[in-house]
Amino acid sequence: MVIGAVAAALAGAALFALAAVLQQEEALRASTATLLDTRLLWRLLHRPRWVIGIAADVVSAGLHVLALGLGPVTLVQPLGITGLVFAVPLGAVVHHRRSRPVDVVAAVAVLAGLAMVLYLLTPSTDTGGTTTSAVLTVGGVAVAVTVLTLGASTIAALPGKLRGAFLASGAGAAFGVTAVLISAILSLLGRPHSGVLIGWASLAVVLLIPLGYLALQNAYRAGHFGSSLALAVVVDPLVAVFAAAYLLSQPLPTAAGRLTFLVISAAVVIAGLGVLVGSPAQANPIPADPESANCQHDEGSGARDQAVDGERNQGAGPEVLLEESHGQVGADE
């Protein structure tokens, strides 16, 4: 069971990485008037590479659900962060950039530090069960936080990277809670008098998945691919651990020794993310949408023509301007 859960989670993480790279490139090229455009997903559905990414995501989600059915959330979600290991070098290859050796070290540091964080946060005992109020609280808070994150990202004063961080964090939180709710649904199947609870959990999942995807696609457009993906895959398991602890009424560690190691491990993760954020290998390529390029070309040509006419008219004498004026009147007639 554990080996099957690990295999399914790793395969799902690899497919998620492939989907992320394909979707990020197409999301950048999609023409949209504003950053947070709710029609973005509809436009992206007309792009073949993005659709291939969605297909990879669907298979990845299926493998993730299988892994959650075979193993606990605290095992499956940490394995999801291996998607960062696959995605960072894959993104460099797709965008024809070279990864620095320090980027590889940073990715390993993030994975090692986060693995230790999750190990230290993992509760050792199960002291309760899932309740309707807990599902409503976790699902409602997750939906509200994701919506607020999407709204906050529209503030014009936010720099691109910070806006991308907001969106990626919201997406990671949505996906983390979704995993916990799916795990709860799987554990409730077949139990008597659990229909209402399963219904509420399913509703929250249906809301969180599109909200999470909208946030993630806009994060790829707004910020830095490496840091956006890193934040999403880091926030996801961290939120999942706390959500699972609340849903199952499991205690979190309070011992001084474990808390010390927890702070150190978190510092390693933050340092690794800082290196990935500054990596030139994962920087967003310049959008090259043909329609946008044509519009910019037309606008630029019009502006240049007006500038040339203005300079010519300023340098011309009254006789020349009068002659042109008569010529224009004749053409109109």
C-alpha atoms as a PDB file:
ATOM      1  CA  MET A   1       0.000   0.000   0.000  1.00  0.00           C
ATOM      2  CA  VAL A   2       2.731   2.473   0.973  1.00  0.00           C
ATOM      3  CA  ILE A   3       4.870   1.598  -2.059  1.00  0.00           C
ATOM      4  CA  GLY A   4       1.870   2.059  -4.345  1.00  0.00           C
ATOM      5  CA  ALA A   5       1.089   5.431  -2.751  1.00  0.00           C
ATOM      6  CA  VAL A   6       4.690   6.591  -3.222  1.00  0.00           C
ATOM      7  CA  ALA A   7       4.815   5.434  -6.855  1.00  0.00           C
ATOM      8  CA  ALA A   8       1.491   7.083  -7.717  1.00  0.00           C
ATOM      9  CA  ALA A   9       2.442  10.333  -5.961  1.00  0.00           C
ATOM     10  CA  LEU A  10       5.815  10.560  -7.746  1.00  0.00           C
ATOM     11  CA  ALA A  11       4.274   9.839 -11.151  1.00  0.00           C
ATOM     12  CA  GLY A  12       1.607  12.454 -10.480  1.00  0.00           C
ATOM     13  CA  ALA A  13       4.260  15.008  -9.486  1.00  0.00           C
ATOM     14  CA  ALA A  14       6.182  14.413 -12.722  1.00  0.00           C
ATOM     15  CA  LEU A  15       3.058  14.926 -14.835  1.00  0.00           C
ATOM     16  CA  PHE A  16       2.176  18.037 -12.824  1.00  0.00           C
ATOM     17  CA  ALA A  17       5.626  19.447 -13.619  1.00  0.00           C
ATOM     18  CA  LEU A  18       5.127  18.790 -17.341  1.00  0.00           C
ATOM     19  CA  ALA A  19       1.714  20.450 -17.220  1.00  0.00           C
ATOM     20  CA  ALA A  20       3.116  23.453 -15.337  1.00  0.00           C
ATOM     21  CA  VAL A  21       5.815  24.137 -17.932  1.00  0.00           C
ATOM     22  CA  LEU A  22       3.401  23.856 -20.878  1.00  0.00           C
ATOM     23  CA  GLN A  23       0.701  25.919 -19.193  1.00  0.00           C
ATOM     24  CA  GLN A  24       3.090  28.656 -18.080  1.00  0.00           C
ATOM     25  CA  GLU A  25       4.363  29.267 -21.595  1.00  0.00           C
ATOM     26  CA  GLU A  26       0.875  29.382 -23.102  1.00  0.00           C
ATOM     27  CA  ALA A  27      -0.499  31.520 -20.261  1.00  0.00           C
ATOM     28  CA  LEU A  28       2.181  34.107 -21.000  1.00  0.00           C
ATOM     29  CA  ARG A  29       1.293  34.176 -24.682  1.00  0.00           C
ATOM     30  CA  ALA A  30      -2.464  34.480 -24.140  1.00  0.00           C
ATOM     31  CA  SER A  31      -3.744  37.951 -24.994  1.00  0.00           C
ATOM     32  CA  THR A  32      -5.808  39.486 -22.202  1.00  0.00           C
ATOM     33  CA  ALA A  33      -6.547  43.044 -21.214  1.00  0.00           C
ATOM     34  CA  THR A  34      -5.985  42.573 -17.508  1.00  0.00           C
ATOM     35  CA  LEU A  35      -3.910  40.282 -15.354  1.00  0.00           C
ATOM     36  CA  LEU A  36      -6.795  38.734 -13.443  1.00  0.00           C
ATOM     37  CA  ASP A  37      -9.110  38.004 -16.365  1.00  0.00           C
ATOM     38  CA  THR A  38     -11.752  35.360 -15.632  1.00  0.00           C
ATOM     39  CA  ARG A  39     -11.885  34.643 -19.384  1.00  0.00           C
ATOM     40  CA  LEU A  40      -8.243  33.560 -19.388  1.00  0.00           C
ATOM     41  CA  LEU A  41      -9.092  29.870 -18.921  1.00  0.00           C
ATOM     42  CA  TRP A  42     -11.518  30.021 -21.860  1.00  0.00           C
ATOM     43  CA  ARG A  43      -8.854  31.577 -24.104  1.00  0.00           C
ATOM     44  CA  LEU A  44      -6.296  29.018 -23.020  1.00  0.00           C
ATOM     45  CA  LEU A  45      -8.660  26.166 -23.942  1.00  0.00           C
ATOM     46  CA  HIS A  46      -8.097  27.166 -27.584  1.00  0.00           C
ATOM     47  CA  ARG A  47      -4.337  26.609 -27.303  1.00  0.00           C
ATOM     48  CA  PRO A  48      -3.262  22.994 -28.068  1.00  0.00           C
ATOM     49  CA  ARG A  49      -0.191  22.957 -25.820  1.00  0.00           C
ATOM     50  CA  TRP A  50      -2.202  24.238 -22.874  1.00  0.00           C
ATOM     51  CA  VAL A  51      -4.819  21.551 -23.504  1.00  0.00           C
ATOM     52  CA  ILE A  52      -2.029  18.945 -23.500  1.00  0.00           C
ATOM     53  CA  GLY A  53      -0.978  20.386 -20.158  1.00  0.00           C
ATOM     54  CA  ILE A  54      -4.543  20.023 -18.875  1.00  0.00           C
ATOM     55  CA  ALA A  55      -4.569  16.385 -20.014  1.00  0.00           C
ATOM     56  CA  ALA A  56      -1.352  15.822 -18.075  1.00  0.00           C
ATOM     57  CA  ASP A  57      -2.945  17.545 -15.079  1.00  0.00           C
ATOM     58  CA  VAL A  58      -6.028  15.308 -15.269  1.00  0.00           C
ATOM     59  CA  VAL A  59      -3.883  12.159 -15.252  1.00  0.00           C
ATOM     60  CA  SER A  60      -1.775  13.681 -12.467  1.00  0.00           C
ATOM     61  CA  ALA A  61      -4.913  14.365 -10.419  1.00  0.00           C
ATOM     62  CA  GLY A  62      -6.096  10.788 -10.942  1.00  0.00           C
ATOM     63  CA  LEU A  63      -2.766   9.432  -9.720  1.00  0.00           C
ATOM     64  CA  HIS A  64      -2.916  11.825  -6.768  1.00  0.00           C
ATOM     65  CA  VAL A  65      -6.361  10.585  -5.759  1.00  0.00           C
ATOM     66  CA  LEU A  66      -5.092   7.008  -6.089  1.00  0.00           C
ATOM     67  CA  ALA A  67      -2.143   7.856  -3.855  1.00  0.00           C
ATOM     68  CA  LEU A  68      -4.472   9.434  -1.274  1.00  0.00           C
ATOM     69  CA  GLY A  69      -6.526   6.256  -1.296  1.00  0.00           C
ATOM     70  CA  LEU A  70      -3.433   4.141  -0.654  1.00  0.00           C
ATOM     71  CA  GLY A  71      -1.621   6.322   1.883  1.00  0.00           C
ATOM     72  CA  PRO A  72      -2.150   9.172   4.370  1.00  0.00           C
ATOM     73  CA  VAL A  73      -2.120  12.841   3.408  1.00  0.00           C
ATOM     74  CA  THR A  74       1.062  13.413   5.428  1.00  0.00           C
ATOM     75  CA  LEU A  75       2.876  10.957   3.147  1.00  0.00           C
ATOM     76  CA  VAL A  76       1.352  11.853  -0.212  1.00  0.00           C
ATOM     77  CA  GLN A  77       1.486  15.661  -0.057  1.00  0.00           C
ATOM     78  CA  PRO A  78       5.217  15.945   0.765  1.00  0.00           C
ATOM     79  CA  LEU A  79       5.968  13.744  -2.252  1.00  0.00           C
ATOM     80  CA  GLY A  80       4.142  16.277  -4.399  1.00  0.00           C
ATOM     81  CA  ILE A  81       6.938  18.788  -3.890  1.00  0.00           C
ATOM     82  CA  THR A  82       9.181  16.605  -6.069  1.00  0.00           C
ATOM     83  CA  GLY A  83       7.340  18.283  -8.928  1.00  0.00           C
ATOM     84  CA  LEU A  84       9.694  21.222  -8.361  1.00  0.00           C
ATOM     85  CA  VAL A  85      12.689  18.958  -9.028  1.00  0.00           C
ATOM     86  CA  PHE A  86      11.177  17.947 -12.372  1.00  0.00           C
ATOM     87  CA  ALA A  87       9.815  21.362 -13.369  1.00  0.00           C
ATOM     88  CA  VAL A  88      12.809  23.638 -12.784  1.00  0.00           C
ATOM     89  CA  PRO A  89      15.223  21.897 -15.202  1.00  0.00           C
ATOM     90  CA  LEU A  90      12.368  21.087 -17.597  1.00  0.00           C
ATOM     91  CA  GLY A  91      11.403  24.763 -17.725  1.00  0.00           C
ATOM     92  CA  ALA A  92      15.005  25.711 -18.486  1.00  0.00           C
ATOM     93  CA  VAL A  93      15.091  23.246 -21.393  1.00  0.00           C
ATOM     94  CA  VAL A  94      11.769  24.380 -22.862  1.00  0.00           C
ATOM     95  CA  HIS A  95      12.751  28.061 -22.642  1.00  0.00           C
ATOM     96  CA  HIS A  96      16.284  27.373 -23.962  1.00  0.00           C
ATOM     97  CA  ARG A  97      18.028  28.665 -20.870  1.00  0.00           C
ATOM     98  CA  ARG A  98      20.805  27.162 -18.793  1.00  0.00           C
ATOM     99  CA  SER A  99      20.325  26.315 -15.139  1.00  0.00           C
ATOM    100  CA  ARG A 100      23.070  27.352 -12.755  1.00  0.00           C
ATOM    101  CA  PRO A 101      24.620  24.738 -10.471  1.00  0.00           C
ATOM    102  CA  VAL A 102      23.451  26.825  -7.523  1.00  0.00           C
ATOM    103  CA  ASP A 103      19.859  26.395  -8.726  1.00  0.00           C
ATOM    104  CA  VAL A 104      20.186  22.631  -8.440  1.00  0.00           C
ATOM    105  CA  VAL A 105      21.613  22.978  -4.934  1.00  0.00           C
ATOM    106  CA  ALA A 106      18.779  25.344  -4.018  1.00  0.00           C
ATOM    107  CA  ALA A 107      16.129  22.923  -5.312  1.00  0.00           C
ATOM    108  CA  VAL A 108      17.646  20.082  -3.284  1.00  0.00           C
ATOM    109  CA  ALA A 109      17.790  22.327  -0.217  1.00  0.00           C
ATOM    110  CA  VAL A 110      14.118  23.234  -0.593  1.00  0.00           C
ATOM    111  CA  LEU A 111      13.123  19.591  -0.885  1.00  0.00           C
ATOM    112  CA  ALA A 112      15.276  18.464   2.029  1.00  0.00           C
ATOM    113  CA  GLY A 113      14.196  21.317   4.287  1.00  0.00           C
ATOM    114  CA  LEU A 114      10.524  20.907   3.476  1.00  0.00           C
ATOM    115  CA  ALA A 115      10.696  17.148   4.007  1.00  0.00           C
ATOM    116  CA  MET A 116      12.084  17.792   7.490  1.00  0.00           C
ATOM    117  CA  VAL A 117       9.420  20.435   8.178  1.00  0.00           C
ATOM    118  CA  LEU A 118       6.658  18.039   7.223  1.00  0.00           C
ATOM    119  CA  TYR A 119       8.193  15.247   9.264  1.00  0.00           C
ATOM    120  CA  LEU A 120       8.331  17.474  12.324  1.00  0.00           C
ATOM    121  CA  LEU A 121       4.772  18.706  11.764  1.00  0.00           C
ATOM    122  CA  THR A 122       3.274  15.291  11.161  1.00  0.00           C
ATOM    123  CA  PRO A 123       1.078  14.327  14.129  1.00  0.00           C
ATOM    124  CA  SER A 124       1.917  10.978  15.683  1.00  0.00           C
ATOM    125  CA  THR A 125      -1.571   9.997  16.805  1.00  0.00           C
ATOM    126  CA  ASP A 126      -5.151  10.192  15.575  1.00  0.00           C
ATOM    127  CA  THR A 127      -7.367  11.471  18.350  1.00  0.00           C
ATOM    128  CA  GLY A 128     -10.576  12.253  16.508  1.00  0.00           C
ATOM    129  CA  GLY A 129     -12.633  12.005  13.345  1.00  0.00           C
ATOM    130  CA  THR A 130     -13.944  14.231  10.600  1.00  0.00           C
ATOM    131  CA  THR A 131     -16.970  16.353  11.490  1.00  0.00           C
ATOM    132  CA  THR A 132     -19.342  18.462   9.427  1.00  0.00           C
ATOM    133  CA  SER A 133     -18.314  21.652  11.209  1.00  0.00           C
ATOM    134  CA  ALA A 134     -14.625  20.929  10.554  1.00  0.00           C
ATOM    135  CA  VAL A 135     -15.242  20.319   6.851  1.00  0.00           C
ATOM    136  CA  LEU A 136     -17.304  23.499   6.563  1.00  0.00           C
ATOM    137  CA  THR A 137     -14.646  25.508   8.396  1.00  0.00           C
ATOM    138  CA  VAL A 138     -11.684  24.237   6.390  1.00  0.00           C
ATOM    139  CA  GLY A 139     -13.479  24.344   3.048  1.00  0.00           C
ATOM    140  CA  GLY A 140     -15.046  27.754   3.677  1.00  0.00           C
ATOM    141  CA  VAL A 141     -11.797  29.324   4.866  1.00  0.00           C
ATOM    142  CA  ALA A 142      -9.906  27.887   1.892  1.00  0.00           C
ATOM    143  CA  VAL A 143     -12.443  29.230  -0.615  1.00  0.00           C
ATOM    144  CA  ALA A 144     -12.480  32.653   1.090  1.00  0.00           C
ATOM    145  CA  VAL A 145      -8.681  32.883   1.227  1.00  0.00           C
ATOM    146  CA  THR A 146      -8.328  31.932  -2.439  1.00  0.00           C
ATOM    147  CA  VAL A 147     -10.919  34.500  -3.500  1.00  0.00           C
ATOM    148  CA  LEU A 148      -9.269  37.200  -1.367  1.00  0.00           C
ATOM    149  CA  THR A 149      -5.892  36.290  -2.848  1.00  0.00           C
ATOM    150  CA  LEU A 150      -7.266  36.675  -6.348  1.00  0.00           C
ATOM    151  CA  GLY A 151      -8.757  40.036  -5.389  1.00  0.00           C
ATOM    152  CA  ALA A 152      -5.603  41.318  -3.690  1.00  0.00           C
ATOM    153  CA  SER A 153      -3.531  40.454  -6.764  1.00  0.00           C
ATOM    154  CA  THR A 154      -5.409  43.085  -8.782  1.00  0.00           C
ATOM    155  CA  ILE A 155      -3.874  45.944  -6.757  1.00  0.00           C
ATOM    156  CA  ALA A 156      -1.954  47.961  -9.330  1.00  0.00           C
ATOM    157  CA  ALA A 157       0.840  48.950  -6.929  1.00  0.00           C
ATOM    158  CA  LEU A 158       1.956  45.335  -6.435  1.00  0.00           C
ATOM    159  CA  PRO A 159       5.155  44.400  -8.315  1.00  0.00           C
ATOM    160  CA  GLY A 160       4.921  41.462 -10.703  1.00  0.00           C
ATOM    161  CA  LYS A 161       6.834  39.009  -8.517  1.00  0.00           C
ATOM    162  CA  LEU A 162       4.856  39.891  -5.407  1.00  0.00           C
ATOM    163  CA  ARG A 163       1.593  39.576  -7.314  1.00  0.00           C
ATOM    164  CA  GLY A 164       2.734  36.183  -8.602  1.00  0.00           C
ATOM    165  CA  ALA A 165       3.621  35.142  -5.052  1.00  0.00           C
ATOM    166  CA  PHE A 166       0.125  36.055  -3.827  1.00  0.00           C
ATOM    167  CA  LEU A 167      -1.501  34.048  -6.595  1.00  0.00           C
ATOM    168  CA  ALA A 168       0.810  31.037  -6.279  1.00  0.00           C
ATOM    169  CA  SER A 169       0.290  30.906  -2.507  1.00  0.00           C
ATOM    170  CA  GLY A 170      -3.474  31.036  -2.967  1.00  0.00           C
ATOM    171  CA  ALA A 171      -3.315  28.237  -5.525  1.00  0.00           C
ATOM    172  CA  GLY A 172      -1.139  26.102  -3.251  1.00  0.00           C
ATOM    173  CA  ALA A 173      -3.516  26.605  -0.330  1.00  0.00           C
ATOM    174  CA  ALA A 174      -6.506  25.675  -2.489  1.00  0.00           C
ATOM    175  CA  PHE A 175      -4.832  22.502  -3.752  1.00  0.00           C
ATOM    176  CA  GLY A 176      -3.637  21.510  -0.281  1.00  0.00           C
ATOM    177  CA  VAL A 177      -7.104  21.747   1.235  1.00  0.00           C
ATOM    178  CA  THR A 178      -8.546  19.974  -1.810  1.00  0.00           C
ATOM    179  CA  ALA A 179      -6.247  17.001  -1.173  1.00  0.00           C
ATOM    180  CA  VAL A 180      -7.330  16.803   2.466  1.00  0.00           C
ATOM    181  CA  LEU A 181     -11.016  16.984   1.550  1.00  0.00           C
ATOM    182  CA  ILE A 182     -10.594  14.275  -1.091  1.00  0.00           C
ATOM    183  CA  SER A 183      -8.834  12.110   1.481  1.00  0.00           C
ATOM    184  CA  ALA A 184     -11.704  12.718   3.908  1.00  0.00           C
ATOM    185  CA  ILE A 185     -14.268  11.796   1.233  1.00  0.00           C
ATOM    186  CA  LEU A 186     -12.436   8.556   0.460  1.00  0.00           C
ATOM    187  CA  SER A 187     -12.340   7.656   4.154  1.00  0.00           C
ATOM    188  CA  LEU A 188     -16.067   8.383   4.538  1.00  0.00           C
ATOM    189  CA  LEU A 189     -17.234   6.273   1.619  1.00  0.00           C
ATOM    190  CA  GLY A 190     -19.260   3.321   2.863  1.00  0.00           C
ATOM    191  CA  ARG A 191     -19.783   4.776   6.317  1.00  0.00           C
ATOM    192  CA  PRO A 192     -23.398   5.154   7.474  1.00  0.00           C
ATOM    193  CA  HIS A 193     -24.942   8.642   7.768  1.00  0.00           C
ATOM    194  CA  SER A 194     -22.033  10.310   5.949  1.00  0.00           C
ATOM    195  CA  GLY A 195     -23.912  11.534   2.862  1.00  0.00           C
ATOM    196  CA  VAL A 196     -24.305  15.129   4.039  1.00  0.00           C
ATOM    197  CA  LEU A 197     -20.668  15.374   5.069  1.00  0.00           C
ATOM    198  CA  ILE A 198     -19.497  13.969   1.731  1.00  0.00           C
ATOM    199  CA  GLY A 199     -21.776  16.433  -0.056  1.00  0.00           C
ATOM    200  CA  TRP A 200     -20.322  19.485   1.686  1.00  0.00           C
ATOM    201  CA  ALA A 201     -16.754  18.257   1.157  1.00  0.00           C
ATOM    202  CA  SER A 202     -17.462  17.610  -2.532  1.00  0.00           C
ATOM    203  CA  LEU A 203     -18.919  21.103  -2.953  1.00  0.00           C
ATOM    204  CA  ALA A 204     -15.791  22.646  -1.475  1.00  0.00           C
ATOM    205  CA  VAL A 205     -13.619  20.566  -3.838  1.00  0.00           C
ATOM    206  CA  VAL A 206     -15.678  21.656  -6.861  1.00  0.00           C
ATOM    207  CA  LEU A 207     -15.177  25.314  -5.883  1.00  0.00           C
ATOM    208  CA  LEU A 208     -11.503  25.087  -4.954  1.00  0.00           C
ATOM    209  CA  ILE A 209     -10.222  23.332  -8.082  1.00  0.00           C
ATOM    210  CA  PRO A 210     -11.175  26.045 -10.642  1.00  0.00           C
ATOM    211  CA  LEU A 211     -10.230  28.838  -8.221  1.00  0.00           C
ATOM    212  CA  GLY A 212      -6.836  27.235  -7.686  1.00  0.00           C
ATOM    213  CA  TYR A 213      -6.270  26.814 -11.413  1.00  0.00           C
ATOM    214  CA  LEU A 214      -7.242  30.407 -12.142  1.00  0.00           C
ATOM    215  CA  ALA A 215      -4.820  31.637  -9.485  1.00  0.00           C
ATOM    216  CA  LEU A 216      -1.993  29.413 -10.724  1.00  0.00           C
ATOM    217  CA  GLN A 217      -2.348  30.368 -14.404  1.00  0.00           C
ATOM    218  CA  ASN A 218      -2.324  34.065 -13.498  1.00  0.00           C
ATOM    219  CA  ALA A 219       0.678  33.487 -11.218  1.00  0.00           C
ATOM    220  CA  TYR A 220       2.573  32.125 -14.230  1.00  0.00           C
ATOM    221  CA  ARG A 221       1.677  35.309 -16.148  1.00  0.00           C
ATOM    222  CA  ALA A 222       2.449  37.754 -13.352  1.00  0.00           C
ATOM    223  CA  GLY A 223       5.592  36.522 -11.703  1.00  0.00           C
ATOM    224  CA  HIS A 224       8.576  34.253 -12.020  1.00  0.00           C
ATOM    225  CA  PHE A 225       8.011  30.645 -13.106  1.00  0.00           C
ATOM    226  CA  GLY A 226      10.471  29.042 -10.694  1.00  0.00           C
ATOM    227  CA  SER A 227       9.318  30.998  -7.646  1.00  0.00           C
ATOM    228  CA  SER A 228       5.615  30.734  -8.534  1.00  0.00           C
ATOM    229  CA  LEU A 229       5.785  26.980  -8.890  1.00  0.00           C
ATOM    230  CA  ALA A 230       8.000  26.667  -5.814  1.00  0.00           C
ATOM    231  CA  LEU A 231       5.545  28.618  -3.663  1.00  0.00           C
ATOM    232  CA  ALA A 232       2.610  26.581  -4.956  1.00  0.00           C
ATOM    233  CA  VAL A 233       4.225  23.205  -4.228  1.00  0.00           C
ATOM    234  CA  VAL A 234       5.528  24.378  -0.833  1.00  0.00           C
ATOM    235  CA  VAL A 235       2.326  25.976   0.425  1.00  0.00           C
ATOM    236  CA  ASP A 236       0.279  22.982  -0.757  1.00  0.00           C
ATOM    237  CA  PRO A 237       1.684  20.339   1.652  1.00  0.00           C
ATOM    238  CA  LEU A 238       2.121  22.772   4.535  1.00  0.00           C
ATOM    239  CA  VAL A 239      -1.528  23.783   4.374  1.00  0.00           C
ATOM    240  CA  ALA A 240      -2.505  20.148   3.911  1.00  0.00           C
ATOM    241  CA  VAL A 241      -0.719  19.103   7.100  1.00  0.00           C
ATOM    242  CA  PHE A 242      -2.450  21.766   9.200  1.00  0.00           C
ATOM    243  CA  ALA A 243      -5.826  21.124   7.557  1.00  0.00           C
ATOM    244  CA  ALA A 244      -5.503  17.386   8.145  1.00  0.00           C
ATOM    245  CA  ALA A 245      -4.539  18.015  11.757  1.00  0.00           C
ATOM    246  CA  TYR A 246      -7.654  20.137  12.259  1.00  0.00           C
ATOM    247  CA  LEU A 247     -10.014  17.785  10.451  1.00  0.00           C
ATOM    248  CA  LEU A 248      -8.743  14.795  12.444  1.00  0.00           C
ATOM    249  CA  SER A 249      -8.284  16.736  15.710  1.00  0.00           C
ATOM    250  CA  GLN A 250      -4.619  15.740  15.788  1.00  0.00           C
ATOM    251  CA  PRO A 251      -2.170  17.713  17.988  1.00  0.00           C
ATOM    252  CA  LEU A 252       0.806  19.555  16.485  1.00  0.00           C
ATOM    253  CA  PRO A 253       4.284  19.264  18.049  1.00  0.00           C
ATOM    254  CA  THR A 254       5.096  21.579  20.965  1.00  0.00           C
ATOM    255  CA  ALA A 255       8.393  20.130  22.254  1.00  0.00           C
ATOM    256  CA  ALA A 256      11.256  22.643  22.282  1.00  0.00           C
ATOM    257  CA  GLY A 257      13.637  20.359  20.382  1.00  0.00           C
ATOM    258  CA  ARG A 258      11.221  19.688  17.543  1.00  0.00           C
ATOM    259  CA  LEU A 259      10.328  23.367  17.301  1.00  0.00           C
ATOM    260  CA  THR A 260      14.028  24.299  17.031  1.00  0.00           C
ATOM    261  CA  PHE A 261      14.586  21.875  14.171  1.00  0.00           C
ATOM    262  CA  LEU A 262      11.367  23.137  12.616  1.00  0.00           C
ATOM    263  CA  VAL A 263      12.642  26.735  12.529  1.00  0.00           C
ATOM    264  CA  ILE A 264      16.011  25.647  11.094  1.00  0.00           C
ATOM    265  CA  SER A 265      14.345  23.551   8.383  1.00  0.00           C
ATOM    266  CA  ALA A 266      11.999  26.404   7.488  1.00  0.00           C
ATOM    267  CA  ALA A 267      15.009  28.733   7.152  1.00  0.00           C
ATOM    268  CA  VAL A 268      16.630  26.283   4.727  1.00  0.00           C
ATOM    269  CA  VAL A 269      13.457  26.236   2.634  1.00  0.00           C
ATOM    270  CA  ILE A 270      13.249  30.048   2.565  1.00  0.00           C
ATOM    271  CA  ALA A 271      16.918  30.354   1.588  1.00  0.00           C
ATOM    272  CA  GLY A 272      16.498  27.854  -1.244  1.00  0.00           C
ATOM    273  CA  LEU A 273      13.435  29.665  -2.522  1.00  0.00           C
ATOM    274  CA  GLY A 274      15.351  32.936  -2.470  1.00  0.00           C
ATOM    275  CA  VAL A 275      17.970  31.463  -4.796  1.00  0.00           C
ATOM    276  CA  LEU A 276      15.328  30.063  -7.157  1.00  0.00           C
ATOM    277  CA  VAL A 277      13.541  33.416  -7.287  1.00  0.00           C
ATOM    278  CA  GLY A 278      16.728  35.076  -8.561  1.00  0.00           C
ATOM    279  CA  SER A 279      17.553  32.390 -11.123  1.00  0.00           C
ATOM    280  CA  PRO A 280      17.704  33.720 -14.711  1.00  0.00           C
ATOM    281  CA  ALA A 281      17.014  30.223 -16.024  1.00  0.00           C
ATOM    282  CA  GLN A 282      13.398  30.289 -14.862  1.00  0.00           C
ATOM    283  CA  ALA A 283      12.532  33.887 -15.773  1.00  0.00           C
ATOM    284  CA  ASN A 284       9.333  34.336 -17.756  1.00  0.00           C
ATOM    285  CA  PRO A 285       9.963  34.643 -21.502  1.00  0.00           C
ATOM    286  CA  ILE A 286       8.631  37.709 -23.304  1.00  0.00           C
ATOM    287  CA  PRO A 287       5.062  37.099 -24.481  1.00  0.00           C
ATOM    288  CA  ALA A 288       4.918  36.601 -28.240  1.00  0.00           C
ATOM    289  CA  ASP A 289       1.245  36.428 -29.034  1.00  0.00           C
ATOM    290  CA  PRO A 290       0.805  37.205 -32.758  1.00  0.00           C
ATOM    291  CA  GLU A 291      -2.350  39.271 -32.212  1.00  0.00           C
ATOM    292  CA  SER A 292      -0.705  41.347 -29.491  1.00  0.00           C
ATOM    293  CA  ALA A 293       2.390  41.818 -31.611  1.00  0.00           C
ATOM    294  CA  ASN A 294       0.328  42.967 -34.601  1.00  0.00           C
ATOM    295  CA  CYS A 295      -1.590  45.454 -32.454  1.00  0.00           C
ATOM    296  CA  GLN A 296       1.615  46.834 -31.009  1.00  0.00           C
ATOM    297  CA  HIS A 297       3.116  47.064 -34.515  1.00  0.00           C
ATOM    298  CA  ASP A 298       0.104  48.897 -35.900  1.00  0.00           C
ATOM    299  CA  GLU A 299      -0.003  51.323 -32.984  1.00  0.00           C
ATOM    300  CA  GLY A 300       3.722  51.923 -33.217  1.00  0.00           C
ATOM    301  CA  SER A 301       3.568  52.511 -36.992  1.00  0.00           C
ATOM    302  CA  GLY A 302       0.727  54.988 -36.578  1.00  0.00           C
ATOM    303  CA  ALA A 303       2.614  56.911 -33.908  1.00  0.00           C
ATOM    304  CA  ARG A 304       5.759  57.036 -36.060  1.00  0.00           C
ATOM    305  CA  ASP A 305       3.785  58.274 -39.089  1.00  0.00           C
ATOM    306  CA  GLN A 306       2.212  61.036 -37.011  1.00  0.00           C
ATOM    307  CA  ALA A 307       5.599  62.037 -35.644  1.00  0.00           C
ATOM    308  CA  VAL A 308       7.112  62.200 -39.146  1.00  0.00           C
ATOM    309  CA  ASP A 309       4.202  64.277 -40.455  1.00  0.00           C
ATOM    310  CA  GLY A 310       4.505  66.630 -37.503  1.00  0.00           C
ATOM    311  CA  GLU A 311       8.228  67.169 -38.057  1.00  0.00           C
ATOM    312  CA  ARG A 312       7.708  67.729 -41.792  1.00  0.00           C
ATOM    313  CA  ASN A 313       4.924  70.238 -41.209  1.00  0.00           C
ATOM    314  CA  GLN A 314       6.952  72.136 -38.630  1.00  0.00           C
ATOM    315  CA  GLY A 315       9.808  72.528 -41.080  1.00  0.00           C
ATOM    316  CA  ALA A 316       7.649  73.499 -44.047  1.00  0.00           C
ATOM    317  CA  GLY A 317       6.830  77.043 -45.044  1.00  0.00           C
ATOM    318  CA  PRO A 318       3.360  78.600 -45.333  1.00  0.00           C
ATOM    319  CA  GLU A 319       3.307  78.074 -49.114  1.00  0.00           C
ATOM    320  CA  VAL A 320       3.915  74.333 -48.792  1.00  0.00           C
ATOM    321  CA  LEU A 321       1.281  73.887 -46.108  1.00  0.00           C
ATOM    322  CA  LEU A 322      -1.237  75.862 -48.189  1.00  0.00           C
ATOM    323  CA  GLU A 323      -0.493  73.725 -51.235  1.00  0.00           C
ATOM    324  CA  GLU A 324      -0.962  70.513 -49.251  1.00  0.00           C
ATOM    325  CA  SER A 325      -4.216  71.844 -47.852  1.00  0.00           C
ATOM    326  CA  HIS A 326      -5.564  72.514 -51.362  1.00  0.00           C
ATOM    327  CA  GLY A 327      -4.440  69.088 -52.465  1.00  0.00           C
ATOM    328  CA  GLN A 328      -6.253  67.428 -49.594  1.00  0.00           C
ATOM    329  CA  VAL A 329      -9.448  69.378 -50.393  1.00  0.00           C
ATOM    330  CA  GLY A 330      -9.241  68.249 -53.987  1.00  0.00           C
ATOM    331  CA  ALA A 331      -8.790  64.647 -52.974  1.00  0.00           C
ATOM    332  CA  ASP A 332     -11.827  64.848 -50.705  1.00  0.00           C
ATOM    333  CA  GLU A 333     -13.922  66.260 -53.553  1.00  0.00           C
END
